[in-house]
Structures are given as structure tokens and as C-alpha cells.
Amino acid sequence: MINTYNESQLHEKLKKLYAMEANGLMEVKLDDTPWICDILDENKNVIEIQTSNLSALTEKAGYILETGRKLKIVHPIAESKWIELYGRDGQLIHRKKSPKKASFFDSLRGMTQIAPLFLHENCELEILYCEISEMRRKTELPSQNQTKSRRRLKEWLPMGKRLEKITRKERFASKEDWLKLIPESLRTKEDGNYPTFRTVDFKRELAKEKGAKNARWSPLLIWILLKMQILEINEVKGRSKFYKISS
């Protein structure tokens, strides 16, 4: 029989791991605000585990940084995933490897509001690439999920996600870290100047380095880097905007 899991299991596991590493306390009220921080370390700095939309932390993160505390935001990405389907009696029906592999670029939609805070001197984003198991419970009839976000009904309901292992970490704590998202050919200076490029150029070069699947996020990545003032519009010719890395 399977134990009772919920959507926060992955979050809880990571919270315990990071609290142990930081010698910190979990679930601490943040001053006189309504917010609870995931982890308060021994130096009174904050660690937040955010398993989904990063921008949901924007207001809370802004407050933490205004107080002078350091903030580490940990965001897990399922680089590898197993699907476990359970019957109504809790017995495992099957376990199979999912063909889907998430990447950093798949998380960009959740960064649109919070992105400017990532360049604050006390803010660090840690991307955690993981192998997880996603648990599902089989239903008799096609069903809607709890958030009613399914366009098509499915014959299972989500039960939660379980961390299997952490495969690697990627740290974003400075402009230089974010510049690495830009294709190398577009961030290499020519005669002391950064080259200019259009969105189509960015997408083509990113596809060479990261594949077409990730390159499809090029317009959004450019928009975010503009908002972070890492990129700037160099000139406009007709309908084409030419960008370059900000000085």
C-alpha cells in the first residue's frame, strides 16, 4: 500500500534538505508580516523553495531583500521523470519513464514578474535539476483535476511528486551568470563591442547550442533579459528590433 502523498511532498523534502545544510529553522514567521519563510538560516537569511511559478514569490522576495537579508530561491526542474500509476486500492499498477525532459527554459514563463529581483546583490536563484517520480491515482471515469485546468479530462488524478535524486545544480547570482543564457556568438565582443542581433538571429544561434525545443522560448527570454536590463534595444529598422548586451 502507498502512503498518503500530497502536492507538497517534493517541497517538504527539499525544505528539510536545505534546512539541514544551512543549520536553519523551518516555517518561521517573517517579522510582523503574514508571510512564513521556508527556512531561516543561522545568520537570519532566508531560503525559499519554489516548485512552480517563481513570480508567485515576487512580493515576498521584495520585502525580504528590502530588510537587508540575503535570499536564496531554490527551484527544482524535473530533468528526468518517472510516472507511477496507482489503483483505487493503493496498489501500484505500473511505473514507467516519462519521455518528457524539462529544462531551465521551460520555467521562463514563471519568471516574468520576479526577474528584475534576480540581479539584486543579495538574491540568488539556484536551479536544482532532479529526477522525480510523479504519482497518479487511476479513476473510473475521465476526471478534472483540483485546479480545473485540464482542457481534456483524463482517467487519473495527481497524488504528488517524490524526489528520487538531485543530479546537478546551476547558480544565478550575478549578471555574468545570466549572460550565459545568451548564445556564445552573440555575447562575444567584436572590436571591443557586443554584436547586435534580431530575435530570429537569437533563436537560430540558441537552437545550435540548446536545440530547437529550447530555442522556441527565445522571444520570452529576450523580453525577460530586457526587463532585467541585461539586454537593450540598439536600434529599430522597419519592423525589426536589434538588440545587444547592455554596457
Protein backbone atom coordinates (compact mmCIF):
# COMPACT_ATOMS: atom_id res chain seq x y z
CA MET A 1 0.00 0.00 0.00
CA ILE A 2 1.18 3.52 -0.74
CA ASN A 3 1.34 6.20 1.93
CA THR A 4 -0.84 9.27 1.57
CA TYR A 5 1.04 11.81 -0.55
CA ASN A 6 0.15 15.38 -1.39
CA GLU A 7 1.34 18.06 -3.78
CA SER A 8 3.79 19.50 -1.23
CA GLN A 9 5.85 16.33 -0.75
CA LEU A 10 8.64 17.44 -3.11
CA HIS A 11 8.63 20.86 -1.45
CA GLU A 12 8.82 19.34 2.03
CA LYS A 13 11.71 17.03 1.11
CA LEU A 14 13.78 19.86 -0.35
CA LYS A 15 12.96 22.11 2.59
CA LYS A 16 14.32 19.55 5.04
CA LEU A 17 17.47 19.02 2.97
CA TYR A 18 18.27 22.72 2.72
CA ALA A 19 17.39 23.40 6.37
CA MET A 20 19.87 20.71 7.40
CA GLU A 21 22.60 22.12 5.14
CA ALA A 22 22.05 25.68 6.41
CA ASN A 23 21.57 24.68 10.05
CA GLY A 24 18.31 26.60 9.81
CA LEU A 25 14.79 26.65 11.17
CA MET A 26 11.78 25.76 9.02
CA GLU A 27 8.45 27.59 8.75
CA VAL A 28 9.45 30.81 10.51
CA LYS A 29 7.12 33.84 10.58
CA LEU A 30 8.67 36.75 8.73
CA ASP A 31 8.69 39.71 11.14
CA ASP A 32 5.17 41.12 11.55
CA THR A 33 4.10 40.21 8.01
CA PRO A 34 1.59 37.48 7.09
CA TRP A 35 4.38 35.56 5.34
CA ILE A 36 6.10 32.41 6.54
CA CYS A 37 9.60 31.77 5.21
CA ASP A 38 10.54 28.19 4.36
CA ILE A 39 13.94 28.35 6.04
CA LEU A 40 15.68 30.93 8.21
CA ASP A 41 19.38 30.08 8.44
CA GLU A 42 21.72 30.65 11.36
CA ASN A 43 22.59 34.13 10.00
CA LYS A 44 18.89 35.11 9.76
CA ASN A 45 18.95 34.90 5.97
CA VAL A 46 16.11 33.27 4.03
CA ILE A 47 15.88 30.23 1.76
CA GLU A 48 12.67 29.73 -0.22
CA ILE A 49 11.79 26.52 -2.07
CA GLN A 50 9.57 27.29 -5.06
CA THR A 51 8.49 24.23 -7.03
CA SER A 52 6.28 26.05 -9.55
CA ASN A 53 5.63 29.66 -10.62
CA LEU A 54 8.61 31.72 -9.41
CA SER A 55 6.76 35.01 -9.80
CA ALA A 56 4.39 33.98 -7.01
CA LEU A 57 7.27 34.94 -4.69
CA THR A 58 7.71 38.47 -6.08
CA GLU A 59 6.13 40.49 -3.27
CA LYS A 60 7.55 38.31 -0.52
CA ALA A 61 11.03 38.30 -2.09
CA GLY A 62 10.94 42.07 -2.49
CA TYR A 63 10.21 42.50 1.21
CA ILE A 64 12.97 40.09 2.27
CA LEU A 65 15.55 41.95 0.18
CA GLU A 66 14.38 45.34 1.48
CA THR A 67 15.17 44.19 5.03
CA GLY A 68 18.80 43.61 4.06
CA ARG A 69 18.60 39.83 4.34
CA LYS A 70 20.15 37.51 1.79
CA LEU A 71 17.66 35.41 -0.16
CA LYS A 72 18.25 32.10 -1.91
CA ILE A 73 15.41 30.84 -4.10
CA VAL A 74 15.61 27.13 -4.92
CA HIS A 75 13.69 25.99 -7.98
CA PRO A 76 13.62 22.26 -8.87
CA ILE A 77 13.36 21.19 -12.51
CA ALA A 78 12.45 17.60 -13.43
CA GLU A 79 15.21 16.77 -15.86
CA SER A 80 14.11 13.15 -15.60
CA LYS A 81 10.70 11.83 -14.52
CA TRP A 82 9.02 8.52 -13.71
CA ILE A 83 5.25 8.04 -13.80
CA GLU A 84 3.68 5.78 -11.16
CA LEU A 85 0.02 4.84 -11.57
CA TYR A 86 -1.86 3.51 -8.54
CA GLY A 87 -5.25 1.87 -8.32
CA ARG A 88 -8.03 2.99 -6.00
CA ASP A 89 -6.82 0.37 -3.52
CA GLY A 90 -3.37 2.00 -3.38
CA GLN A 91 -1.62 -0.81 -5.27
CA LEU A 92 0.98 0.14 -7.87
CA ILE A 93 -0.30 -0.68 -11.38
CA HIS A 94 2.79 0.35 -13.31
CA ARG A 95 5.90 2.53 -13.22
CA LYS A 96 7.35 3.90 -16.45
CA LYS A 97 9.85 6.51 -17.59
CA SER A 98 8.33 9.70 -18.96
CA PRO A 99 9.71 10.87 -22.32
CA LYS A 100 9.40 14.50 -21.17
CA LYS A 101 12.55 16.27 -20.02
CA ALA A 102 12.16 19.75 -18.57
CA SER A 103 14.85 22.42 -18.90
CA PHE A 104 15.57 25.85 -17.46
CA PHE A 105 13.83 27.42 -20.46
CA ASP A 106 10.53 25.73 -19.55
CA SER A 107 10.50 27.80 -16.33
CA LEU A 108 10.78 31.18 -18.07
CA ARG A 109 7.02 31.81 -18.11
CA GLY A 110 7.07 31.77 -14.32
CA MET A 111 9.82 34.41 -14.10
CA THR A 112 8.21 37.37 -15.86
CA GLN A 113 7.37 39.35 -12.70
CA ILE A 114 10.21 38.39 -10.38
CA ALA A 115 13.07 38.55 -12.91
CA PRO A 116 14.38 42.06 -12.02
CA LEU A 117 14.92 40.96 -8.40
CA PHE A 118 17.34 38.25 -9.50
CA LEU A 119 20.04 40.89 -10.06
CA HIS A 120 19.76 42.26 -6.52
CA GLU A 121 23.12 41.86 -4.79
CA ASN A 122 21.54 39.75 -2.03
CA CYS A 123 19.43 37.50 -4.26
CA GLU A 124 20.47 34.12 -5.63
CA LEU A 125 18.49 31.69 -7.78
CA GLU A 126 19.56 28.06 -7.52
CA ILE A 127 18.21 25.73 -10.20
CA LEU A 128 18.03 22.17 -8.97
CA TYR A 129 17.97 19.55 -11.72
CA CYS A 130 16.28 16.45 -10.36
CA GLU A 131 14.95 13.01 -11.06
CA ILE A 132 11.44 12.74 -9.65
CA SER A 133 8.55 10.30 -9.55
CA GLU A 134 5.08 11.65 -10.25
CA MET A 135 2.33 9.63 -8.58
CA ARG A 136 -1.14 9.33 -10.07
CA ARG A 137 -4.35 7.63 -8.92
CA LYS A 138 -6.45 5.89 -11.54
CA THR A 139 -10.10 6.97 -11.79
CA GLU A 140 -13.09 5.06 -13.14
CA LEU A 141 -14.11 7.93 -15.43
CA PRO A 142 -12.24 10.80 -17.12
CA SER A 143 -11.84 13.46 -14.43
CA GLN A 144 -10.99 17.12 -13.99
CA ASN A 145 -8.12 17.97 -11.64
CA GLN A 146 -8.44 20.03 -8.46
CA THR A 147 -7.42 23.30 -10.13
CA LYS A 148 -9.81 22.68 -13.06
CA SER A 149 -7.00 23.43 -15.51
CA ARG A 150 -7.38 20.39 -17.75
CA ARG A 151 -8.56 21.08 -21.27
CA ARG A 152 -9.15 17.36 -21.71
CA LEU A 153 -10.33 15.08 -18.93
CA LYS A 154 -8.03 12.19 -18.02
CA GLU A 155 -8.52 8.88 -16.25
CA TRP A 156 -6.21 9.75 -13.36
CA LEU A 157 -5.70 12.36 -10.65
CA PRO A 158 -2.34 13.66 -9.37
CA MET A 159 -1.19 12.41 -5.96
CA GLY A 160 2.12 14.25 -5.63
CA LYS A 161 5.77 14.18 -6.62
CA ARG A 162 8.62 12.36 -4.93
CA LEU A 163 12.27 13.39 -5.15
CA GLU A 164 14.46 10.50 -6.29
CA LYS A 165 17.78 12.31 -6.62
CA ILE A 166 19.42 15.64 -7.36
CA THR A 167 21.57 15.39 -10.48
CA ARG A 168 23.15 18.86 -10.61
CA LYS A 169 22.78 22.49 -9.56
CA GLU A 170 23.04 25.75 -11.50
CA ARG A 171 23.53 29.07 -9.74
CA PHE A 172 22.39 32.51 -10.92
CA ALA A 173 23.74 35.24 -8.64
CA SER A 174 25.20 37.87 -10.99
CA LYS A 175 24.81 39.43 -14.43
CA GLU A 176 27.61 37.17 -15.67
CA ASP A 177 25.58 34.08 -14.73
CA TRP A 178 22.57 35.32 -16.73
CA LEU A 179 24.73 36.26 -19.71
CA LYS A 180 25.47 32.55 -20.15
CA LEU A 181 21.88 32.10 -21.38
CA ILE A 182 22.74 34.19 -24.44
CA PRO A 183 24.28 32.22 -27.33
CA GLU A 184 28.06 32.49 -27.25
CA SER A 185 28.27 34.03 -30.72
CA LEU A 186 26.03 36.91 -29.57
CA ARG A 187 27.92 37.62 -26.34
CA THR A 188 31.43 37.58 -27.79
CA LYS A 189 32.75 41.08 -28.37
CA GLU A 190 33.94 42.14 -31.82
CA ASP A 191 36.44 45.02 -31.87
CA GLY A 192 35.51 45.74 -28.26
CA ASN A 193 31.75 45.86 -28.89
CA TYR A 194 28.95 43.36 -28.41
CA PRO A 195 27.25 42.32 -31.68
CA THR A 196 23.67 43.37 -32.42
CA PHE A 197 21.03 40.79 -33.28
CA ARG A 198 17.35 40.27 -34.03
CA THR A 199 15.05 37.75 -32.37
CA VAL A 200 15.40 35.46 -35.38
CA ASP A 201 19.21 35.57 -35.03
CA PHE A 202 18.97 34.79 -31.32
CA LYS A 203 16.64 31.86 -31.96
CA ARG A 204 18.88 30.42 -34.68
CA GLU A 205 22.02 30.60 -32.54
CA LEU A 206 20.28 29.27 -29.43
CA ALA A 207 18.97 26.30 -31.43
CA LYS A 208 22.55 25.44 -32.37
CA GLU A 209 23.59 25.37 -28.71
CA LYS A 210 20.47 24.20 -26.86
CA GLY A 211 18.24 22.61 -29.50
CA ALA A 212 15.06 23.75 -31.24
CA LYS A 213 12.83 22.83 -28.26
CA ASN A 214 14.58 25.35 -26.02
CA ALA A 215 15.08 27.92 -28.79
CA ARG A 216 11.30 28.36 -29.13
CA TRP A 217 11.45 30.33 -25.87
CA SER A 218 13.77 32.94 -27.44
CA PRO A 219 11.22 35.82 -27.64
CA LEU A 220 10.32 35.40 -23.96
CA LEU A 221 13.95 35.08 -22.88
CA ILE A 222 14.81 38.29 -24.75
CA TRP A 223 11.84 40.04 -23.10
CA ILE A 224 12.98 38.93 -19.63
CA LEU A 225 16.60 39.97 -20.25
CA LEU A 226 15.35 43.38 -21.42
CA LYS A 227 13.33 43.72 -18.22
CA MET A 228 16.46 42.81 -16.23
CA GLN A 229 18.40 45.44 -18.25
CA ILE A 230 20.87 42.79 -19.35
CA LEU A 231 19.85 43.45 -22.96
CA GLU A 232 18.93 46.76 -24.56
CA ILE A 233 17.38 47.79 -27.87
CA ASN A 234 20.20 49.11 -30.03
CA GLU A 235 18.11 50.29 -32.99
CA VAL A 236 14.87 49.72 -34.87
CA LYS A 237 14.81 49.22 -38.64
CA GLY A 238 11.33 48.92 -40.07
CA ARG A 239 9.64 46.19 -38.07
CA SER A 240 12.91 44.69 -36.85
CA LYS A 241 14.39 45.44 -33.44
CA PHE A 242 18.11 44.95 -32.99
CA TYR A 243 19.31 44.06 -29.51
CA LYS A 244 22.67 43.92 -27.80
CA ILE A 245 24.06 43.25 -24.34
CA SER A 246 23.89 46.33 -22.12
CA SER A 247 27.17 48.01 -21.27
